[in-house]
Amino acid sequence: MLEIKDIGDGLFVAKVTMNEVLTLDVPELKEKLQHEILNRGIKKLVLDLSDVKLITSSGIGIFLNINQNLKNGLRLAAPQSEVEKVLELTKVSSVIKIFSTVDAAVKSY
C-alpha cells in the first residue's frame, strides 16, 4: 500500500503501491499516511503516484486532507495520464503542486 523513504530534513517520499485507490481502500490508506506523518515527524511529503492507474474522489480527498495537515507541505509526483486528468478536473492541481517526476517534486522544496 505504501513504501516510505526518508530523504532527510523532515522530507519523505511515499510511494503508493496500489494500482487503484478506490473508496473502500481510502480509510486504510489515510490511516497509514497519518500514522507515518505523526510517528516520523513528517513535515514535507512527496506522494509518488506512478503505480496508481485509477483514483476515486475519496482518494483525492485524502490528498487534500494530508496537504492541510502538512500546511501545504504535500507534493504529488509522477501521476499517470488518467490520474493527472482527474486531478486537473477536480481542481486539486490548483491546491497541491503536481510534478512529472519524484526528483522534480523533491527539488521543489
PDB file of N, CA and C in Angstrom:
ATOM      1  N   MET A   1       0.819  -1.203   0.000  1.00  0.00           N
ATOM      2  CA  MET A   1       0.000   0.000   0.000  1.00  0.00           C
ATOM      3  C   MET A   1       0.863   1.268   0.000  1.00  0.00           C
ATOM      4  N   LEU A   2       1.906   1.272   0.859  1.00  0.00           N
ATOM      5  CA  LEU A   2       2.800   2.435   0.963  1.00  0.00           C
ATOM      6  C   LEU A   2       4.233   1.984   1.201  1.00  0.00           C
ATOM      7  N   GLU A   3       5.160   2.635   0.512  1.00  0.00           N
ATOM      8  CA  GLU A   3       6.585   2.464   0.791  1.00  0.00           C
ATOM      9  C   GLU A   3       7.127   3.850   1.081  1.00  0.00           C
ATOM     10  N   ILE A   4       7.675   4.039   2.288  1.00  0.00           N
ATOM     11  CA  ILE A   4       8.124   5.375   2.693  1.00  0.00           C
ATOM     12  C   ILE A   4       9.635   5.413   2.834  1.00  0.00           C
ATOM     13  N   LYS A   5      10.219   6.474   2.265  1.00  0.00           N
ATOM     14  CA  LYS A   5      11.664   6.650   2.290  1.00  0.00           C
ATOM     15  C   LYS A   5      11.978   8.019   2.885  1.00  0.00           C
ATOM     16  N   ASP A   6      12.910   8.046   3.836  1.00  0.00           N
ATOM     17  CA  ASP A   6      13.346   9.282   4.469  1.00  0.00           C
ATOM     18  C   ASP A   6      14.451   9.915   3.626  1.00  0.00           C
ATOM     19  N   ILE A   7      14.198  11.109   3.111  1.00  0.00           N
ATOM     20  CA  ILE A   7      15.175  11.816   2.288  1.00  0.00           C
ATOM     21  C   ILE A   7      16.081  12.678   3.170  1.00  0.00           C
ATOM     22  N   GLY A   8      15.612  12.982   4.373  1.00  0.00           N
ATOM     23  CA  GLY A   8      16.373  13.826   5.303  1.00  0.00           C
ATOM     24  C   GLY A   8      15.715  15.186   5.457  1.00  0.00           C
ATOM     25  N   ASP A   9      16.000  15.853   6.558  1.00  0.00           N
ATOM     26  CA  ASP A   9      15.499  17.202   6.837  1.00  0.00           C
ATOM     27  C   ASP A   9      13.972  17.257   6.864  1.00  0.00           C
ATOM     28  N   GLY A  10      13.330  16.215   7.410  1.00  0.00           N
ATOM     29  CA  GLY A  10      11.869  16.197   7.524  1.00  0.00           C
ATOM     30  C   GLY A  10      11.138  15.923   6.225  1.00  0.00           C
ATOM     31  N   LEU A  11      11.895  15.571   5.176  1.00  0.00           N
ATOM     32  CA  LEU A  11      11.297  15.302   3.863  1.00  0.00           C
ATOM     33  C   LEU A  11      11.251  13.799   3.610  1.00  0.00           C
ATOM     34  N   PHE A  12      10.079  13.326   3.213  1.00  0.00           N
ATOM     35  CA  PHE A  12       9.868  11.903   2.951  1.00  0.00           C
ATOM     36  C   PHE A  12       9.212  11.717   1.588  1.00  0.00           C
ATOM     37  N   VAL A  13       9.492  10.571   0.971  1.00  0.00           N
ATOM     38  CA  VAL A  13       8.814  10.178  -0.259  1.00  0.00           C
ATOM     39  C   VAL A  13       8.010   8.928   0.067  1.00  0.00           C
ATOM     40  N   ALA A  14       6.720   8.971  -0.225  1.00  0.00           N
ATOM     41  CA  ALA A  14       5.838   7.821  -0.007  1.00  0.00           C
ATOM     42  C   ALA A  14       5.316   7.361  -1.352  1.00  0.00           C
ATOM     43  N   LYS A  15       5.647   6.122  -1.709  1.00  0.00           N
ATOM     44  CA  LYS A  15       5.158   5.551  -2.971  1.00  0.00           C
ATOM     45  C   LYS A  15       3.874   4.792  -2.678  1.00  0.00           C
ATOM     46  N   VAL A  16       2.804   5.183  -3.364  1.00  0.00           N
ATOM     47  CA  VAL A  16       1.531   4.476  -3.245  1.00  0.00           C
ATOM     48  C   VAL A  16       1.637   3.265  -4.170  1.00  0.00           C
ATOM     49  N   THR A  17       1.661   2.076  -3.598  1.00  0.00           N
ATOM     50  CA  THR A  17       1.916   0.854  -4.359  1.00  0.00           C
ATOM     51  C   THR A  17       0.635   0.140  -4.800  1.00  0.00           C
ATOM     52  N   MET A  18      -0.453   0.861  -4.853  1.00  0.00           N
ATOM     53  CA  MET A  18      -1.736   0.295  -5.268  1.00  0.00           C
ATOM     54  C   MET A  18      -2.028   0.736  -6.695  1.00  0.00           C
ATOM     55  N   ASN A  19      -2.603  -0.156  -7.517  1.00  0.00           N
ATOM     56  CA  ASN A  19      -2.994   0.225  -8.873  1.00  0.00           C
ATOM     57  C   ASN A  19      -4.242   1.103  -8.865  1.00  0.00           C
ATOM     58  N   GLU A  20      -5.099   0.849  -7.900  1.00  0.00           N
ATOM     59  CA  GLU A  20      -6.360   1.577  -7.814  1.00  0.00           C
ATOM     60  C   GLU A  20      -6.580   2.059  -6.390  1.00  0.00           C
ATOM     61  N   VAL A  21      -6.889   3.334  -6.246  1.00  0.00           N
ATOM     62  CA  VAL A  21      -7.239   3.887  -4.942  1.00  0.00           C
ATOM     63  C   VAL A  21      -8.749   4.076  -4.972  1.00  0.00           C
ATOM     64  N   LEU A  22      -9.439   3.067  -4.489  1.00  0.00           N
ATOM     65  CA  LEU A  22     -10.897   3.047  -4.514  1.00  0.00           C
ATOM     66  C   LEU A  22     -11.462   3.450  -3.161  1.00  0.00           C
ATOM     67  N   THR A  23     -12.725   3.768  -3.137  1.00  0.00           N
ATOM     68  CA  THR A  23     -13.376   4.256  -1.923  1.00  0.00           C
ATOM     69  C   THR A  23     -13.170   3.315  -0.739  1.00  0.00           C
ATOM     70  N   LEU A  24     -13.213   2.008  -0.965  1.00  0.00           N
ATOM     71  CA  LEU A  24     -13.040   1.044   0.135  1.00  0.00           C
ATOM     72  C   LEU A  24     -11.626   1.049   0.703  1.00  0.00           C
ATOM     73  N   ASP A  25     -10.640   1.448  -0.097  1.00  0.00           N
ATOM     74  CA  ASP A  25      -9.244   1.478   0.348  1.00  0.00           C
ATOM     75  C   ASP A  25      -8.894   2.744   1.109  1.00  0.00           C
ATOM     76  N   VAL A  26      -9.708   3.760   0.951  1.00  0.00           N
ATOM     77  CA  VAL A  26      -9.372   5.088   1.455  1.00  0.00           C
ATOM     78  C   VAL A  26      -9.141   5.141   2.970  1.00  0.00           C
ATOM     79  N   PRO A  27     -10.012   4.585   3.801  1.00  0.00           N
ATOM     80  CA  PRO A  27      -9.778   4.692   5.248  1.00  0.00           C
ATOM     81  C   PRO A  27      -8.425   4.100   5.670  1.00  0.00           C
ATOM     82  N   GLU A  28      -8.065   2.942   5.119  1.00  0.00           N
ATOM     83  CA  GLU A  28      -6.800   2.311   5.493  1.00  0.00           C
ATOM     84  C   GLU A  28      -5.609   3.132   5.001  1.00  0.00           C
ATOM     85  N   LEU A  29      -5.660   3.633   3.778  1.00  0.00           N
ATOM     86  CA  LEU A  29      -4.574   4.442   3.239  1.00  0.00           C
ATOM     87  C   LEU A  29      -4.414   5.735   4.035  1.00  0.00           C
ATOM     88  N   LYS A  30      -5.519   6.375   4.346  1.00  0.00           N
ATOM     89  CA  LYS A  30      -5.484   7.615   5.120  1.00  0.00           C
ATOM     90  C   LYS A  30      -4.887   7.365   6.501  1.00  0.00           C
ATOM     91  N   GLU A  31      -5.315   6.291   7.139  1.00  0.00           N
ATOM     92  CA  GLU A  31      -4.817   5.951   8.475  1.00  0.00           C
ATOM     93  C   GLU A  31      -3.307   5.704   8.440  1.00  0.00           C
ATOM     94  N   LYS A  32      -2.842   4.954   7.439  1.00  0.00           N
ATOM     95  CA  LYS A  32      -1.410   4.669   7.325  1.00  0.00           C
ATOM     96  C   LYS A  32      -0.605   5.950   7.103  1.00  0.00           C
ATOM     97  N   LEU A  33      -1.083   6.809   6.233  1.00  0.00           N
ATOM     98  CA  LEU A  33      -0.389   8.071   5.972  1.00  0.00           C
ATOM     99  C   LEU A  33      -0.332   8.938   7.233  1.00  0.00           C
ATOM    100  N   GLN A  34      -1.459   9.090   7.900  1.00  0.00           N
ATOM    101  CA  GLN A  34      -1.495   9.912   9.115  1.00  0.00           C
ATOM    102  C   GLN A  34      -0.603   9.324  10.208  1.00  0.00           C
ATOM    103  N   HIS A  35      -0.602   8.009  10.327  1.00  0.00           N
ATOM    104  CA  HIS A  35       0.239   7.323  11.311  1.00  0.00           C
ATOM    105  C   HIS A  35       1.714   7.616  11.040  1.00  0.00           C
ATOM    106  N   GLU A  36       2.122   7.485   9.786  1.00  0.00           N
ATOM    107  CA  GLU A  36       3.525   7.734   9.419  1.00  0.00           C
ATOM    108  C   GLU A  36       3.908   9.194   9.635  1.00  0.00           C
ATOM    109  N   ILE A  37       3.009  10.107   9.297  1.00  0.00           N
ATOM    110  CA  ILE A  37       3.284  11.538   9.484  1.00  0.00           C
ATOM    111  C   ILE A  37       3.525  11.839  10.954  1.00  0.00           C
ATOM    112  N   LEU A  38       2.681  11.301  11.816  1.00  0.00           N
ATOM    113  CA  LEU A  38       2.827  11.536  13.252  1.00  0.00           C
ATOM    114  C   LEU A  38       4.061  10.855  13.831  1.00  0.00           C
ATOM    115  N   ASN A  39       4.244   9.574  13.515  1.00  0.00           N
ATOM    116  CA  ASN A  39       5.346   8.805  14.097  1.00  0.00           C
ATOM    117  C   ASN A  39       6.722   9.252  13.627  1.00  0.00           C
ATOM    118  N   ARG A  40       6.816   9.676  12.378  1.00  0.00           N
ATOM    119  CA  ARG A  40       8.118  10.054  11.823  1.00  0.00           C
ATOM    120  C   ARG A  40       8.364  11.562  11.855  1.00  0.00           C
ATOM    121  N   GLY A  41       7.374  12.322  12.284  1.00  0.00           N
ATOM    122  CA  GLY A  41       7.531  13.771  12.317  1.00  0.00           C
ATOM    123  C   GLY A  41       7.668  14.373  10.925  1.00  0.00           C
ATOM    124  N   ILE A  42       6.917  13.838   9.978  1.00  0.00           N
ATOM    125  CA  ILE A  42       7.000  14.299   8.595  1.00  0.00           C
ATOM    126  C   ILE A  42       6.424  15.719   8.472  1.00  0.00           C
ATOM    127  N   LYS A  43       7.218  16.597   7.868  1.00  0.00           N
ATOM    128  CA  LYS A  43       6.785  17.979   7.613  1.00  0.00           C
ATOM    129  C   LYS A  43       6.547  18.207   6.124  1.00  0.00           C
ATOM    130  N   LYS A  44       7.324  17.491   5.291  1.00  0.00           N
ATOM    131  CA  LYS A  44       7.219  17.624   3.836  1.00  0.00           C
ATOM    132  C   LYS A  44       7.127  16.224   3.250  1.00  0.00           C
ATOM    133  N   LEU A  45       6.155  16.033   2.370  1.00  0.00           N
ATOM    134  CA  LEU A  45       5.903  14.700   1.838  1.00  0.00           C
ATOM    135  C   LEU A  45       5.659  14.755   0.339  1.00  0.00           C
ATOM    136  N   VAL A  46       6.381  13.900  -0.391  1.00  0.00           N
ATOM    137  CA  VAL A  46       6.143  13.713  -1.808  1.00  0.00           C
ATOM    138  C   VAL A  46       5.418  12.378  -1.950  1.00  0.00           C
ATOM    139  N   LEU A  47       4.240  12.399  -2.566  1.00  0.00           N
ATOM    140  CA  LEU A  47       3.499  11.166  -2.816  1.00  0.00           C
ATOM    141  C   LEU A  47       3.762  10.734  -4.255  1.00  0.00           C
ATOM    142  N   ASP A  48       4.415   9.592  -4.399  1.00  0.00           N
ATOM    143  CA  ASP A  48       4.717   9.028  -5.717  1.00  0.00           C
ATOM    144  C   ASP A  48       3.506   8.236  -6.181  1.00  0.00           C
ATOM    145  N   LEU A  49       2.860   8.724  -7.234  1.00  0.00           N
ATOM    146  CA  LEU A  49       1.632   8.104  -7.739  1.00  0.00           C
ATOM    147  C   LEU A  49       1.863   7.291  -9.012  1.00  0.00           C
ATOM    148  N   SER A  50       3.108   6.975  -9.316  1.00  0.00           N
ATOM    149  CA  SER A  50       3.437   6.327 -10.593  1.00  0.00           C
ATOM    150  C   SER A  50       2.764   4.973 -10.800  1.00  0.00           C
ATOM    151  N   ASP A  51       2.422   4.253  -9.728  1.00  0.00           N
ATOM    152  CA  ASP A  51       1.761   2.949  -9.854  1.00  0.00           C
ATOM    153  C   ASP A  51       0.238   3.049  -9.943  1.00  0.00           C
ATOM    154  N   VAL A  52      -0.312   4.210  -9.597  1.00  0.00           N
ATOM    155  CA  VAL A  52      -1.769   4.368  -9.500  1.00  0.00           C
ATOM    156  C   VAL A  52      -2.368   4.617 -10.885  1.00  0.00           C
ATOM    157  N   LYS A  53      -3.276   3.730 -11.277  1.00  0.00           N
ATOM    158  CA  LYS A  53      -3.927   3.851 -12.582  1.00  0.00           C
ATOM    159  C   LYS A  53      -5.331   4.459 -12.471  1.00  0.00           C
ATOM    160  N   LEU A  54      -5.940   4.336 -11.288  1.00  0.00           N
ATOM    161  CA  LEU A  54      -7.315   4.797 -11.087  1.00  0.00           C
ATOM    162  C   LEU A  54      -7.456   5.341  -9.676  1.00  0.00           C
ATOM    163  N   ILE A  55      -8.151   6.464  -9.556  1.00  0.00           N
ATOM    164  CA  ILE A  55      -8.377   7.037  -8.226  1.00  0.00           C
ATOM    165  C   ILE A  55      -9.802   7.588  -8.156  1.00  0.00           C
ATOM    166  N   THR A  56     -10.443   7.397  -7.019  1.00  0.00           N
ATOM    167  CA  THR A  56     -11.797   7.923  -6.831  1.00  0.00           C
ATOM    168  C   THR A  56     -11.720   9.271  -6.127  1.00  0.00           C
ATOM    169  N   SER A  57     -12.843   9.941  -6.046  1.00  0.00           N
ATOM    170  CA  SER A  57     -12.884  11.244  -5.371  1.00  0.00           C
ATOM    171  C   SER A  57     -12.517  11.107  -3.894  1.00  0.00           C
ATOM    172  N   SER A  58     -12.817   9.969  -3.297  1.00  0.00           N
ATOM    173  CA  SER A  58     -12.447   9.741  -1.887  1.00  0.00           C
ATOM    174  C   SER A  58     -10.930   9.727  -1.736  1.00  0.00           C
ATOM    175  N   GLY A  59     -10.252   9.121  -2.708  1.00  0.00           N
ATOM    176  CA  GLY A  59      -8.796   9.095  -2.685  1.00  0.00           C
ATOM    177  C   GLY A  59      -8.220  10.490  -2.802  1.00  0.00           C
ATOM    178  N   ILE A  60      -8.818  11.287  -3.655  1.00  0.00           N
ATOM    179  CA  ILE A  60      -8.383  12.674  -3.811  1.00  0.00           C
ATOM    180  C   ILE A  60      -8.599  13.449  -2.516  1.00  0.00           C
ATOM    181  N   GLY A  61      -9.676  13.132  -1.828  1.00  0.00           N
ATOM    182  CA  GLY A  61      -9.947  13.766  -0.538  1.00  0.00           C
ATOM    183  C   GLY A  61      -8.829  13.544   0.470  1.00  0.00           C
ATOM    184  N   ILE A  62      -8.198  12.369   0.421  1.00  0.00           N
ATOM    185  CA  ILE A  62      -7.056  12.085   1.311  1.00  0.00           C
ATOM    186  C   ILE A  62      -5.949  13.089   1.048  1.00  0.00           C
ATOM    187  N   PHE A  63      -5.638  13.314  -0.237  1.00  0.00           N
ATOM    188  CA  PHE A  63      -4.552  14.235  -0.578  1.00  0.00           C
ATOM    189  C   PHE A  63      -4.820  15.630  -0.035  1.00  0.00           C
ATOM    190  N   LEU A  64      -6.056  16.090  -0.180  1.00  0.00           N
ATOM    191  CA  LEU A  64      -6.409  17.422   0.307  1.00  0.00           C
ATOM    192  C   LEU A  64      -6.291  17.496   1.825  1.00  0.00           C
ATOM    193  N   ASN A  65      -6.745  16.439   2.498  1.00  0.00           N
ATOM    194  CA  ASN A  65      -6.666  16.382   3.949  1.00  0.00           C
ATOM    195  C   ASN A  65      -5.215  16.366   4.438  1.00  0.00           C
ATOM    196  N   ILE A  66      -4.391  15.534   3.824  1.00  0.00           N
ATOM    197  CA  ILE A  66      -2.989  15.428   4.213  1.00  0.00           C
ATOM    198  C   ILE A  66      -2.267  16.746   3.934  1.00  0.00           C
ATOM    199  N   ASN A  67      -2.565  17.367   2.795  1.00  0.00           N
ATOM    200  CA  ASN A  67      -1.949  18.648   2.461  1.00  0.00           C
ATOM    201  C   ASN A  67      -2.271  19.703   3.517  1.00  0.00           C
ATOM    202  N   GLN A  68      -3.506  19.690   3.980  1.00  0.00           N
ATOM    203  CA  GLN A  68      -3.926  20.619   5.023  1.00  0.00           C
ATOM    204  C   GLN A  68      -3.171  20.337   6.324  1.00  0.00           C
ATOM    205  N   ASN A  69      -3.061  19.058   6.687  1.00  0.00           N
ATOM    206  CA  ASN A  69      -2.339  18.678   7.909  1.00  0.00           C
ATOM    207  C   ASN A  69      -0.869  19.094   7.851  1.00  0.00           C
ATOM    208  N   LEU A  70      -0.289  19.030   6.649  1.00  0.00           N
ATOM    209  CA  LEU A  70       1.128  19.373   6.472  1.00  0.00           C
ATOM    210  C   LEU A  70       1.321  20.848   6.130  1.00  0.00           C
ATOM    211  N   LYS A  71       0.271  21.637   6.270  1.00  0.00           N
ATOM    212  CA  LYS A  71       0.329  23.072   5.975  1.00  0.00           C
ATOM    213  C   LYS A  71       0.912  23.317   4.581  1.00  0.00           C
ATOM    214  N   ASN A  72       0.294  22.696   3.591  1.00  0.00           N
ATOM    215  CA  ASN A  72       0.693  22.786   2.180  1.00  0.00           C
ATOM    216  C   ASN A  72       2.066  22.189   1.906  1.00  0.00           C
ATOM    217  N   GLY A  73       2.465  21.214   2.710  1.00  0.00           N
ATOM    218  CA  GLY A  73       3.765  20.569   2.527  1.00  0.00           C
ATOM    219  C   GLY A  73       3.709  19.301   1.692  1.00  0.00           C
ATOM    220  N   LEU A  74       2.588  19.061   1.012  1.00  0.00           N
ATOM    221  CA  LEU A  74       2.444  17.859   0.191  1.00  0.00           C
ATOM    222  C   LEU A  74       2.707  18.176  -1.274  1.00  0.00           C
ATOM    223  N   ARG A  75       3.424  17.282  -1.945  1.00  0.00           N
ATOM    224  CA  ARG A  75       3.630  17.351  -3.397  1.00  0.00           C
ATOM    225  C   ARG A  75       3.183  16.009  -3.969  1.00  0.00           C
ATOM    226  N   LEU A  76       2.542  16.034  -5.121  1.00  0.00           N
ATOM    227  CA  LEU A  76       2.164  14.813  -5.821  1.00  0.00           C
ATOM    228  C   LEU A  76       3.122  14.647  -6.991  1.00  0.00           C
ATOM    229  N   ALA A  77       3.582  13.416  -7.202  1.00  0.00           N
ATOM    230  CA  ALA A  77       4.583  13.191  -8.244  1.00  0.00           C
ATOM    231  C   ALA A  77       4.232  12.012  -9.136  1.00  0.00           C
ATOM    232  N   ALA A  78       4.593  12.145 -10.396  1.00  0.00           N
ATOM    233  CA  ALA A  78       4.541  11.085 -11.407  1.00  0.00           C
ATOM    234  C   ALA A  78       3.165  10.444 -11.604  1.00  0.00           C
ATOM    235  N   PRO A  79       2.087  11.248 -11.634  1.00  0.00           N
ATOM    236  CA  PRO A  79       0.790  10.620 -11.882  1.00  0.00           C
ATOM    237  C   PRO A  79       0.691  10.143 -13.332  1.00  0.00           C
ATOM    238  N   GLN A  80       0.033   9.002 -13.521  1.00  0.00           N
ATOM    239  CA  GLN A  80      -0.242   8.533 -14.877  1.00  0.00           C
ATOM    240  C   GLN A  80      -1.270   9.480 -15.501  1.00  0.00           C
ATOM    241  N   SER A  81      -1.379   9.461 -16.809  1.00  0.00           N
ATOM    242  CA  SER A  81      -2.208  10.460 -17.510  1.00  0.00           C
ATOM    243  C   SER A  81      -3.665  10.475 -17.046  1.00  0.00           C
ATOM    244  N   GLU A  82      -4.250   9.304 -16.812  1.00  0.00           N
ATOM    245  CA  GLU A  82      -5.654   9.264 -16.366  1.00  0.00           C
ATOM    246  C   GLU A  82      -5.817   9.887 -14.979  1.00  0.00           C
ATOM    247  N   VAL A  83      -4.890   9.597 -14.099  1.00  0.00           N
ATOM    248  CA  VAL A  83      -4.939  10.156 -12.741  1.00  0.00           C
ATOM    249  C   VAL A  83      -4.703  11.668 -12.807  1.00  0.00           C
ATOM    250  N   GLU A  84      -3.773  12.087 -13.650  1.00  0.00           N
ATOM    251  CA  GLU A  84      -3.494  13.515 -13.794  1.00  0.00           C
ATOM    252  C   GLU A  84      -4.729  14.272 -14.302  1.00  0.00           C
ATOM    253  N   LYS A  85      -5.463  13.666 -15.236  1.00  0.00           N
ATOM    254  CA  LYS A  85      -6.693  14.282 -15.743  1.00  0.00           C
ATOM    255  C   LYS A  85      -7.697  14.491 -14.609  1.00  0.00           C
ATOM    256  N   VAL A  86      -7.849  13.473 -13.766  1.00  0.00           N
ATOM    257  CA  VAL A  86      -8.785  13.561 -12.640  1.00  0.00           C
ATOM    258  C   VAL A  86      -8.345  14.666 -11.675  1.00  0.00           C
ATOM    259  N   LEU A  87      -7.043  14.755 -11.413  1.00  0.00           N
ATOM    260  CA  LEU A  87      -6.528  15.789 -10.511  1.00  0.00           C
ATOM    261  C   LEU A  87      -6.777  17.188 -11.080  1.00  0.00           C
ATOM    262  N   GLU A  88      -6.668  17.326 -12.388  1.00  0.00           N
ATOM    263  CA  GLU A  88      -6.920  18.626 -13.020  1.00  0.00           C
ATOM    264  C   GLU A  88      -8.411  18.948 -13.052  1.00  0.00           C
ATOM    265  N   LEU A  89      -9.243  17.954 -13.396  1.00  0.00           N
ATOM    266  CA  LEU A  89     -10.691  18.177 -13.463  1.00  0.00           C
ATOM    267  C   LEU A  89     -11.273  18.542 -12.101  1.00  0.00           C
ATOM    268  N   THR A  90     -10.724  17.969 -11.047  1.00  0.00           N
ATOM    269  CA  THR A  90     -11.228  18.229  -9.700  1.00  0.00           C
ATOM    270  C   THR A  90     -10.554  19.443  -9.063  1.00  0.00           C
ATOM    271  N   LYS A  91      -9.695  20.108  -9.826  1.00  0.00           N
ATOM    272  CA  LYS A  91      -9.007  21.330  -9.375  1.00  0.00           C
ATOM    273  C   LYS A  91      -8.005  21.094  -8.245  1.00  0.00           C
ATOM    274  N   VAL A  92      -7.640  19.845  -8.007  1.00  0.00           N
ATOM    275  CA  VAL A  92      -6.633  19.543  -6.991  1.00  0.00           C
ATOM    276  C   VAL A  92      -5.317  20.219  -7.358  1.00  0.00           C
ATOM    277  N   SER A  93      -5.053  20.288  -8.659  1.00  0.00           N
ATOM    278  CA  SER A  93      -3.798  20.887  -9.120  1.00  0.00           C
ATOM    279  C   SER A  93      -3.696  22.373  -8.778  1.00  0.00           C
ATOM    280  N   SER A  94      -4.805  23.004  -8.435  1.00  0.00           N
ATOM    281  CA  SER A  94      -4.751  24.411  -8.021  1.00  0.00           C
ATOM    282  C   SER A  94      -4.428  24.547  -6.534  1.00  0.00           C
ATOM    283  N   VAL A  95      -4.506  23.449  -5.801  1.00  0.00           N
ATOM    284  CA  VAL A  95      -4.258  23.468  -4.355  1.00  0.00           C
ATOM    285  C   VAL A  95      -2.938  22.774  -4.005  1.00  0.00           C
ATOM    286  N   ILE A  96      -2.649  21.663  -4.689  1.00  0.00           N
ATOM    287  CA  ILE A  96      -1.453  20.862  -4.412  1.00  0.00           C
ATOM    288  C   ILE A  96      -0.582  20.858  -5.662  1.00  0.00           C
ATOM    289  N   LYS A  97       0.701  21.106  -5.476  1.00  0.00           N
ATOM    290  CA  LYS A  97       1.624  21.105  -6.610  1.00  0.00           C
ATOM    291  C   LYS A  97       1.848  19.681  -7.100  1.00  0.00           C
ATOM    292  N   ILE A  98       1.799  19.535  -8.432  1.00  0.00           N
ATOM    293  CA  ILE A  98       1.953  18.230  -9.066  1.00  0.00           C
ATOM    294  C   ILE A  98       3.169  18.293  -9.989  1.00  0.00           C
ATOM    295  N   PHE A  99       4.010  17.271  -9.897  1.00  0.00           N
ATOM    296  CA  PHE A  99       5.241  17.220 -10.681  1.00  0.00           C
ATOM    297  C   PHE A  99       5.287  15.944 -11.506  1.00  0.00           C
ATOM    298  N   SER A 100       5.950  16.010 -12.643  1.00  0.00           N
ATOM    299  CA  SER A 100       6.012  14.847 -13.540  1.00  0.00           C
ATOM    300  C   SER A 100       6.951  13.760 -13.024  1.00  0.00           C
ATOM    301  N   THR A 101       7.908  14.140 -12.152  1.00  0.00           N
ATOM    302  CA  THR A 101       8.826  13.145 -11.578  1.00  0.00           C
ATOM    303  C   THR A 101       8.956  13.347 -10.079  1.00  0.00           C
ATOM    304  N   VAL A 102       9.385  12.298  -9.406  1.00  0.00           N
ATOM    305  CA  VAL A 102       9.641  12.381  -7.963  1.00  0.00           C
ATOM    306  C   VAL A 102      10.794  13.342  -7.703  1.00  0.00           C
ATOM    307  N   ASP A 103      11.844  13.271  -8.519  1.00  0.00           N
ATOM    308  CA  ASP A 103      13.003  14.153  -8.335  1.00  0.00           C
ATOM    309  C   ASP A 103      12.602  15.623  -8.397  1.00  0.00           C
ATOM    310  N   ALA A 104      11.775  15.965  -9.375  1.00  0.00           N
ATOM    311  CA  ALA A 104      11.330  17.353  -9.524  1.00  0.00           C
ATOM    312  C   ALA A 104      10.536  17.793  -8.295  1.00  0.00           C
ATOM    313  N   ALA A 105       9.701  16.905  -7.767  1.00  0.00           N
ATOM    314  CA  ALA A 105       8.904  17.222  -6.570  1.00  0.00           C
ATOM    315  C   ALA A 105       9.817  17.419  -5.366  1.00  0.00           C
ATOM    316  N   VAL A 106      10.806  16.557  -5.212  1.00  0.00           N
ATOM    317  CA  VAL A 106      11.756  16.670  -4.094  1.00  0.00           C
ATOM    318  C   VAL A 106      12.521  17.993  -4.201  1.00  0.00           C
ATOM    319  N   LYS A 107      12.979  18.335  -5.374  1.00  0.00           N
ATOM    320  CA  LYS A 107      13.749  19.576  -5.566  1.00  0.00           C
ATOM    321  C   LYS A 107      12.907  20.829  -5.351  1.00  0.00           C
ATOM    322  N   SER A 108      11.577  20.707  -5.428  1.00  0.00           N
ATOM    323  CA  SER A 108      10.700  21.869  -5.273  1.00  0.00           C
ATOM    324  C   SER A 108      10.715  22.444  -3.861  1.00  0.00           C
ATOM    325  N   TYR A 109      11.204  21.655  -2.908  1.00  0.00           N
ATOM    326  CA  TYR A 109      11.294  22.162  -1.538  1.00  0.00           C
ATOM    327  C   TYR A 109      12.517  23.007  -1.434  1.00  0.00           C
TER     328      TYR A 109
END
